Amino acid sequence: MDDNGRRKFLGICLGGMAAGLAAAFLYPVYRYLAPRTNSGAVAKVVIPEKDVLEGEAKFFEFAGSSAVLVRKKGGELVALSAVCTHLGCIVQWEKDKQDFICPCHGGHYTPDGVVTAGPPPRPLAKLPFSVANGAITVG
């Protein structure tokens, strides 16, 4: 084997190792930021009404994805998808500001899911729910 053949072989080996290392690093980061999916997800979730206090949010799994119930100041309930419409990160509730923030790129949403700042192109998806006998049924 001549020098050019060896160089080409070593270049291919080093490139393969670099690609493997990049994949080994990037895959866990992707799994952390991407919302979880589950094909056998529950179609309805029942949460006791007392678990959602005024001004607070309750996160839960719904239909294979993250969702949230918010009891706004004044007592009104809202059920939303907790998946940011920008790149699919999971939003966080800021109790002191009474809004949602996306930790990935700083998108802000009102308690109703309306975008107020940042890159998200759409509001958070609203989820159907009903309240009966002290229980909130989402779905």
C-alpha atoms as a PDB file:
ATOM      1  CA  MET A   1       0.000   0.000   0.000  1.00  0.00           C
ATOM      2  CA  ASP A   2       1.454   3.380  -0.958  1.00  0.00           C
ATOM      3  CA  ASP A   3       1.426   6.568   1.171  1.00  0.00           C
ATOM      4  CA  ASN A   4      -1.684   8.002  -0.552  1.00  0.00           C
ATOM      5  CA  GLY A   5      -3.616   4.793   0.137  1.00  0.00           C
ATOM      6  CA  ARG A   6      -2.625   4.858   3.805  1.00  0.00           C
ATOM      7  CA  ARG A   7      -3.550   8.529   4.143  1.00  0.00           C
ATOM      8  CA  LYS A   8      -6.915   7.911   2.560  1.00  0.00           C
ATOM      9  CA  PHE A   9      -7.560   4.923   4.850  1.00  0.00           C
ATOM     10  CA  LEU A  10      -6.519   6.879   7.978  1.00  0.00           C
ATOM     11  CA  GLY A  11      -8.666   9.831   6.883  1.00  0.00           C
ATOM     12  CA  ILE A  12     -11.723   7.567   6.519  1.00  0.00           C
ATOM     13  CA  CYS A  13     -11.054   5.972   9.934  1.00  0.00           C
ATOM     14  CA  LEU A  14     -10.632   9.352  11.662  1.00  0.00           C
ATOM     15  CA  GLY A  15     -13.743  10.744   9.955  1.00  0.00           C
ATOM     16  CA  GLY A  16     -15.774   7.729  11.094  1.00  0.00           C
ATOM     17  CA  MET A  17     -14.524   8.106  14.661  1.00  0.00           C
ATOM     18  CA  ALA A  18     -15.359  11.838  14.654  1.00  0.00           C
ATOM     19  CA  ALA A  19     -18.879  11.133  13.345  1.00  0.00           C
ATOM     20  CA  GLY A  20     -19.388   8.456  16.028  1.00  0.00           C
ATOM     21  CA  LEU A  21     -18.241  10.800  18.806  1.00  0.00           C
ATOM     22  CA  ALA A  22     -20.487  13.596  17.511  1.00  0.00           C
ATOM     23  CA  ALA A  23     -23.492  11.243  17.456  1.00  0.00           C
ATOM     24  CA  ALA A  24     -22.673   9.948  20.958  1.00  0.00           C
ATOM     25  CA  PHE A  25     -22.682  13.552  22.235  1.00  0.00           C
ATOM     26  CA  LEU A  26     -25.636  14.953  20.284  1.00  0.00           C
ATOM     27  CA  TYR A  27     -28.145  12.117  20.791  1.00  0.00           C
ATOM     28  CA  PRO A  28     -28.524  12.617  24.586  1.00  0.00           C
ATOM     29  CA  VAL A  29     -28.869  16.378  24.055  1.00  0.00           C
ATOM     30  CA  TYR A  30     -31.607  15.771  21.478  1.00  0.00           C
ATOM     31  CA  ARG A  31     -33.458  13.321  23.773  1.00  0.00           C
ATOM     32  CA  TYR A  32     -33.310  15.851  26.620  1.00  0.00           C
ATOM     33  CA  LEU A  33     -34.758  18.691  24.546  1.00  0.00           C
ATOM     34  CA  ALA A  34     -37.293  16.723  22.483  1.00  0.00           C
ATOM     35  CA  PRO A  35     -40.710  15.981  23.987  1.00  0.00           C
ATOM     36  CA  ARG A  36     -41.336  12.360  24.902  1.00  0.00           C
ATOM     37  CA  THR A  37     -43.623  10.290  22.721  1.00  0.00           C
ATOM     38  CA  ASN A  38     -45.568   7.236  23.743  1.00  0.00           C
ATOM     39  CA  SER A  39     -47.840   5.325  21.376  1.00  0.00           C
ATOM     40  CA  GLY A  40     -49.776   3.661  24.212  1.00  0.00           C
ATOM     41  CA  ALA A  41     -50.658   6.951  25.875  1.00  0.00           C
ATOM     42  CA  VAL A  42     -53.768   7.535  27.948  1.00  0.00           C
ATOM     43  CA  ALA A  43     -56.553   9.401  26.116  1.00  0.00           C
ATOM     44  CA  LYS A  44     -58.036  10.901  29.318  1.00  0.00           C
ATOM     45  CA  VAL A  45     -56.383  12.127  32.491  1.00  0.00           C
ATOM     46  CA  VAL A  46     -58.291  12.852  35.711  1.00  0.00           C
ATOM     47  CA  ILE A  47     -56.763  15.291  38.194  1.00  0.00           C
ATOM     48  CA  PRO A  48     -58.362  16.289  41.519  1.00  0.00           C
ATOM     49  CA  GLU A  49     -59.469  19.925  41.360  1.00  0.00           C
ATOM     50  CA  LYS A  50     -57.742  20.627  44.706  1.00  0.00           C
ATOM     51  CA  ASP A  51     -54.358  19.774  43.102  1.00  0.00           C
ATOM     52  CA  VAL A  52     -54.432  22.921  40.947  1.00  0.00           C
ATOM     53  CA  LEU A  53     -54.306  25.985  43.191  1.00  0.00           C
ATOM     54  CA  GLU A  54     -54.966  29.539  42.021  1.00  0.00           C
ATOM     55  CA  GLY A  55     -51.935  31.036  40.268  1.00  0.00           C
ATOM     56  CA  GLU A  56     -50.251  27.637  39.901  1.00  0.00           C
ATOM     57  CA  ALA A  57     -49.710  25.070  37.162  1.00  0.00           C
ATOM     58  CA  LYS A  58     -49.849  21.263  37.240  1.00  0.00           C
ATOM     59  CA  PHE A  59     -47.802  19.412  34.610  1.00  0.00           C
ATOM     60  CA  PHE A  60     -48.776  15.876  33.536  1.00  0.00           C
ATOM     61  CA  GLU A  61     -48.498  13.395  30.662  1.00  0.00           C
ATOM     62  CA  PHE A  62     -51.367  13.420  28.156  1.00  0.00           C
ATOM     63  CA  ALA A  63     -51.593  11.507  24.875  1.00  0.00           C
ATOM     64  CA  GLY A  64     -47.860  10.766  24.876  1.00  0.00           C
ATOM     65  CA  SER A  65     -46.756  14.340  25.439  1.00  0.00           C
ATOM     66  CA  SER A  66     -46.372  16.890  28.215  1.00  0.00           C
ATOM     67  CA  ALA A  67     -49.413  18.957  29.148  1.00  0.00           C
ATOM     68  CA  VAL A  68     -50.284  21.490  31.826  1.00  0.00           C
ATOM     69  CA  LEU A  69     -53.330  22.707  33.745  1.00  0.00           C
ATOM     70  CA  VAL A  70     -53.247  26.321  34.933  1.00  0.00           C
ATOM     71  CA  ARG A  71     -55.611  27.962  37.382  1.00  0.00           C
ATOM     72  CA  LYS A  72     -55.319  31.635  36.529  1.00  0.00           C
ATOM     73  CA  LYS A  73     -55.757  34.436  39.060  1.00  0.00           C
ATOM     74  CA  GLY A  74     -59.525  34.624  39.466  1.00  0.00           C
ATOM     75  CA  GLY A  75     -59.937  30.838  39.339  1.00  0.00           C
ATOM     76  CA  GLU A  76     -60.351  30.135  35.601  1.00  0.00           C
ATOM     77  CA  LEU A  77     -58.839  26.830  34.448  1.00  0.00           C
ATOM     78  CA  VAL A  78     -56.885  26.353  31.213  1.00  0.00           C
ATOM     79  CA  ALA A  79     -55.516  23.071  29.805  1.00  0.00           C
ATOM     80  CA  LEU A  80     -52.629  23.359  27.338  1.00  0.00           C
ATOM     81  CA  SER A  81     -49.957  21.350  25.629  1.00  0.00           C
ATOM     82  CA  ALA A  82     -46.644  22.059  27.410  1.00  0.00           C
ATOM     83  CA  VAL A  83     -44.677  21.627  24.162  1.00  0.00           C
ATOM     84  CA  CYS A  84     -43.247  24.891  22.789  1.00  0.00           C
ATOM     85  CA  THR A  85     -44.365  25.571  19.209  1.00  0.00           C
ATOM     86  CA  HIS A  86     -40.884  26.753  18.215  1.00  0.00           C
ATOM     87  CA  LEU A  87     -38.706  23.637  18.499  1.00  0.00           C
ATOM     88  CA  GLY A  88     -40.672  21.334  20.787  1.00  0.00           C
ATOM     89  CA  CYS A  89     -39.015  22.018  24.143  1.00  0.00           C
ATOM     90  CA  ILE A  90     -41.120  21.727  27.307  1.00  0.00           C
ATOM     91  CA  VAL A  91     -42.213  25.109  28.691  1.00  0.00           C
ATOM     92  CA  GLN A  92     -41.851  26.019  32.353  1.00  0.00           C
ATOM     93  CA  TRP A  93     -44.335  27.897  34.563  1.00  0.00           C
ATOM     94  CA  GLU A  94     -43.056  31.104  36.163  1.00  0.00           C
ATOM     95  CA  LYS A  95     -45.338  31.506  39.165  1.00  0.00           C
ATOM     96  CA  ASP A  96     -44.069  34.972  40.102  1.00  0.00           C
ATOM     97  CA  LYS A  97     -44.663  36.334  36.565  1.00  0.00           C
ATOM     98  CA  GLN A  98     -47.752  34.188  35.882  1.00  0.00           C
ATOM     99  CA  ASP A  99     -46.528  33.081  32.463  1.00  0.00           C
ATOM    100  CA  PHE A 100     -44.744  30.272  30.654  1.00  0.00           C
ATOM    101  CA  ILE A 101     -41.169  30.453  29.394  1.00  0.00           C
ATOM    102  CA  CYS A 102     -39.422  28.124  26.992  1.00  0.00           C
ATOM    103  CA  PRO A 103     -35.957  27.346  28.404  1.00  0.00           C
ATOM    104  CA  CYS A 104     -34.470  26.658  24.959  1.00  0.00           C
ATOM    105  CA  HIS A 105     -34.847  30.015  23.188  1.00  0.00           C
ATOM    106  CA  GLY A 106     -36.693  32.297  25.615  1.00  0.00           C
ATOM    107  CA  GLY A 107     -40.199  32.180  24.166  1.00  0.00           C
ATOM    108  CA  HIS A 108     -42.873  33.565  26.528  1.00  0.00           C
ATOM    109  CA  TYR A 109     -46.540  32.602  26.695  1.00  0.00           C
ATOM    110  CA  THR A 110     -49.485  33.929  28.714  1.00  0.00           C
ATOM    111  CA  PRO A 111     -51.406  31.544  31.000  1.00  0.00           C
ATOM    112  CA  ASP A 112     -53.801  31.111  28.032  1.00  0.00           C
ATOM    113  CA  GLY A 113     -50.897  29.952  25.827  1.00  0.00           C
ATOM    114  CA  VAL A 114     -50.670  33.123  23.696  1.00  0.00           C
ATOM    115  CA  VAL A 115     -47.135  34.050  22.522  1.00  0.00           C
ATOM    116  CA  THR A 116     -45.911  37.322  24.055  1.00  0.00           C
ATOM    117  CA  ALA A 117     -42.194  37.225  23.179  1.00  0.00           C
ATOM    118  CA  GLY A 118     -39.527  35.180  21.453  1.00  0.00           C
ATOM    119  CA  PRO A 119     -39.465  32.925  18.408  1.00  0.00           C
ATOM    120  CA  PRO A 120     -42.538  30.637  18.849  1.00  0.00           C
ATOM    121  CA  PRO A 121     -44.707  30.916  15.702  1.00  0.00           C
ATOM    122  CA  ARG A 122     -48.003  29.768  17.289  1.00  0.00           C
ATOM    123  CA  PRO A 123     -49.715  29.694  20.683  1.00  0.00           C
ATOM    124  CA  LEU A 124     -49.641  26.573  22.852  1.00  0.00           C
ATOM    125  CA  ALA A 125     -52.312  24.074  21.802  1.00  0.00           C
ATOM    126  CA  LYS A 126     -55.434  24.121  23.982  1.00  0.00           C
ATOM    127  CA  LEU A 127     -56.696  20.793  25.308  1.00  0.00           C
ATOM    128  CA  PRO A 128     -60.344  19.930  25.938  1.00  0.00           C
ATOM    129  CA  PHE A 129     -61.306  19.407  29.578  1.00  0.00           C
ATOM    130  CA  SER A 130     -64.305  19.250  31.867  1.00  0.00           C
ATOM    131  CA  VAL A 131     -64.824  19.751  35.598  1.00  0.00           C
ATOM    132  CA  ALA A 132     -67.305  17.603  37.549  1.00  0.00           C
ATOM    133  CA  ASN A 133     -67.567  16.357  41.131  1.00  0.00           C
ATOM    134  CA  GLY A 134     -64.240  17.894  42.190  1.00  0.00           C
ATOM    135  CA  ALA A 135     -62.288  16.297  39.336  1.00  0.00           C
ATOM    136  CA  ILE A 136     -60.779  17.790  36.176  1.00  0.00           C
ATOM    137  CA  THR A 137     -60.896  15.420  33.193  1.00  0.00           C
ATOM    138  CA  VAL A 138     -58.571  16.319  30.323  1.00  0.00           C
ATOM    139  CA  GLY A 139     -59.349  14.708  26.987  1.00  0.00           C
END
